[in-house]
Amino acid sequence: MIPSIETIAEDLAAGRITTEQAIAWLHQHASGAENELRDYFAAKAITGCLPGSAFSTRELQIKAQWAYRMADAMLEARK
């Protein structure tokens, strides 16, 4: 389990972990946050293209792939 950012800071300040360990933990936090943001963006993107009608599994897969491409574009635009 990844320690909280507060715990990482406290442990680093107290000398319980090295700077390298702190950076590694913080990198995991950043990676997780980006993945969560990507999923959030994809969910927002797909909401508009799924009206009440039924879709085949293949159609849904295509729409989901599009939503993740849109999410990736949104993440890139944030840079």
C-alpha atoms as a PDB file:
ATOM      1  CA  MET A   1       0.000   0.000   0.000  1.00  0.00           C
ATOM      2  CA  ILE A   2       1.271   3.457  -0.890  1.00  0.00           C
ATOM      3  CA  PRO A   3       1.630   5.711   2.159  1.00  0.00           C
ATOM      4  CA  SER A   4      -0.152   9.044   2.098  1.00  0.00           C
ATOM      5  CA  ILE A   5       1.743  12.095   0.909  1.00  0.00           C
ATOM      6  CA  GLU A   6       1.649  13.423   4.462  1.00  0.00           C
ATOM      7  CA  THR A   7       3.221  10.218   5.797  1.00  0.00           C
ATOM      8  CA  ILE A   8       5.902  10.333   3.115  1.00  0.00           C
ATOM      9  CA  ALA A   9       6.762  13.916   4.089  1.00  0.00           C
ATOM     10  CA  GLU A  10       6.814  13.077   7.805  1.00  0.00           C
ATOM     11  CA  ASP A  11       8.956   9.972   7.281  1.00  0.00           C
ATOM     12  CA  LEU A  12      11.384  11.892   5.077  1.00  0.00           C
ATOM     13  CA  ALA A  13      11.665  14.736   7.596  1.00  0.00           C
ATOM     14  CA  ALA A  14      12.242  12.255  10.424  1.00  0.00           C
ATOM     15  CA  GLY A  15      14.890  10.373   8.447  1.00  0.00           C
ATOM     16  CA  ARG A  16      12.881   7.135   8.358  1.00  0.00           C
ATOM     17  CA  ILE A  17      13.072   6.997   4.547  1.00  0.00           C
ATOM     18  CA  THR A  18      15.588   8.254   2.007  1.00  0.00           C
ATOM     19  CA  THR A  19      14.958  10.963  -0.564  1.00  0.00           C
ATOM     20  CA  GLU A  20      15.000   8.268  -3.253  1.00  0.00           C
ATOM     21  CA  GLN A  21      12.306   6.287  -1.425  1.00  0.00           C
ATOM     22  CA  ALA A  22      10.190   9.423  -1.040  1.00  0.00           C
ATOM     23  CA  ILE A  23      10.528  10.231  -4.731  1.00  0.00           C
ATOM     24  CA  ALA A  24       9.544   6.672  -5.672  1.00  0.00           C
ATOM     25  CA  TRP A  25       6.406   6.829  -3.495  1.00  0.00           C
ATOM     26  CA  LEU A  26       5.480  10.268  -4.837  1.00  0.00           C
ATOM     27  CA  HIS A  27       5.948   9.010  -8.398  1.00  0.00           C
ATOM     28  CA  GLN A  28       3.454   6.229  -7.668  1.00  0.00           C
ATOM     29  CA  HIS A  29       0.988   8.818  -6.346  1.00  0.00           C
ATOM     30  CA  ALA A  30       1.387  10.889  -9.522  1.00  0.00           C
ATOM     31  CA  SER A  31       0.965   7.861 -11.797  1.00  0.00           C
ATOM     32  CA  GLY A  32      -2.172   6.790  -9.950  1.00  0.00           C
ATOM     33  CA  ALA A  33      -3.626  10.285 -10.118  1.00  0.00           C
ATOM     34  CA  GLU A  34      -3.034  10.486 -13.874  1.00  0.00           C
ATOM     35  CA  ASN A  35      -4.721   7.119 -14.418  1.00  0.00           C
ATOM     36  CA  GLU A  36      -7.707   8.216 -12.340  1.00  0.00           C
ATOM     37  CA  LEU A  37      -7.921  11.465 -14.278  1.00  0.00           C
ATOM     38  CA  ARG A  38      -7.721   9.554 -17.584  1.00  0.00           C
ATOM     39  CA  ASP A  39     -10.613   7.311 -16.492  1.00  0.00           C
ATOM     40  CA  TYR A  40     -12.598  10.367 -15.382  1.00  0.00           C
ATOM     41  CA  PHE A  41     -12.037  12.130 -18.706  1.00  0.00           C
ATOM     42  CA  ALA A  42     -12.981   8.986 -20.648  1.00  0.00           C
ATOM     43  CA  ALA A  43     -16.188   8.607 -18.637  1.00  0.00           C
ATOM     44  CA  LYS A  44     -17.102  12.225 -19.335  1.00  0.00           C
ATOM     45  CA  ALA A  45     -16.340  11.832 -23.043  1.00  0.00           C
ATOM     46  CA  ILE A  46     -18.395   8.674 -23.459  1.00  0.00           C
ATOM     47  CA  THR A  47     -21.418  10.066 -21.614  1.00  0.00           C
ATOM     48  CA  GLY A  48     -22.389  12.188 -24.601  1.00  0.00           C
ATOM     49  CA  CYS A  49     -22.223   9.353 -27.121  1.00  0.00           C
ATOM     50  CA  LEU A  50     -24.317   6.791 -25.276  1.00  0.00           C
ATOM     51  CA  PRO A  51     -27.948   7.809 -25.658  1.00  0.00           C
ATOM     52  CA  GLY A  52     -30.637   5.453 -24.399  1.00  0.00           C
ATOM     53  CA  SER A  53     -30.444   3.032 -27.337  1.00  0.00           C
ATOM     54  CA  ALA A  54     -28.796  -0.390 -27.145  1.00  0.00           C
ATOM     55  CA  PHE A  55     -25.409  -1.125 -28.693  1.00  0.00           C
ATOM     56  CA  SER A  56     -23.642  -4.340 -29.583  1.00  0.00           C
ATOM     57  CA  THR A  57     -20.545  -5.301 -27.623  1.00  0.00           C
ATOM     58  CA  ARG A  58     -18.373  -4.357 -30.600  1.00  0.00           C
ATOM     59  CA  GLU A  59     -20.032  -0.937 -30.908  1.00  0.00           C
ATOM     60  CA  LEU A  60     -19.445  -0.326 -27.202  1.00  0.00           C
ATOM     61  CA  GLN A  61     -15.795  -1.335 -27.542  1.00  0.00           C
ATOM     62  CA  ILE A  62     -15.344   1.134 -30.394  1.00  0.00           C
ATOM     63  CA  LYS A  63     -16.987   3.896 -28.376  1.00  0.00           C
ATOM     64  CA  ALA A  64     -14.836   3.088 -25.335  1.00  0.00           C
ATOM     65  CA  GLN A  65     -11.664   3.167 -27.433  1.00  0.00           C
ATOM     66  CA  TRP A  66     -12.722   6.545 -28.808  1.00  0.00           C
ATOM     67  CA  ALA A  67     -13.414   7.824 -25.275  1.00  0.00           C
ATOM     68  CA  TYR A  68      -9.923   6.837 -24.114  1.00  0.00           C
ATOM     69  CA  ARG A  69      -8.330   8.461 -27.175  1.00  0.00           C
ATOM     70  CA  MET A  70     -10.276  11.602 -26.292  1.00  0.00           C
ATOM     71  CA  ALA A  71      -9.114  11.334 -22.663  1.00  0.00           C
ATOM     72  CA  ASP A  72      -5.500  10.971 -23.808  1.00  0.00           C
ATOM     73  CA  ALA A  73      -5.913  14.086 -25.955  1.00  0.00           C
ATOM     74  CA  MET A  74      -7.333  15.963 -22.952  1.00  0.00           C
ATOM     75  CA  LEU A  75      -4.364  14.925 -20.810  1.00  0.00           C
ATOM     76  CA  GLU A  76      -1.956  16.017 -23.546  1.00  0.00           C
ATOM     77  CA  ALA A  77      -3.716  19.379 -23.838  1.00  0.00           C
ATOM     78  CA  ARG A  78      -3.177  19.967 -20.107  1.00  0.00           C
ATOM     79  CA  LYS A  79       0.633  19.880 -20.517  1.00  0.00           C
END
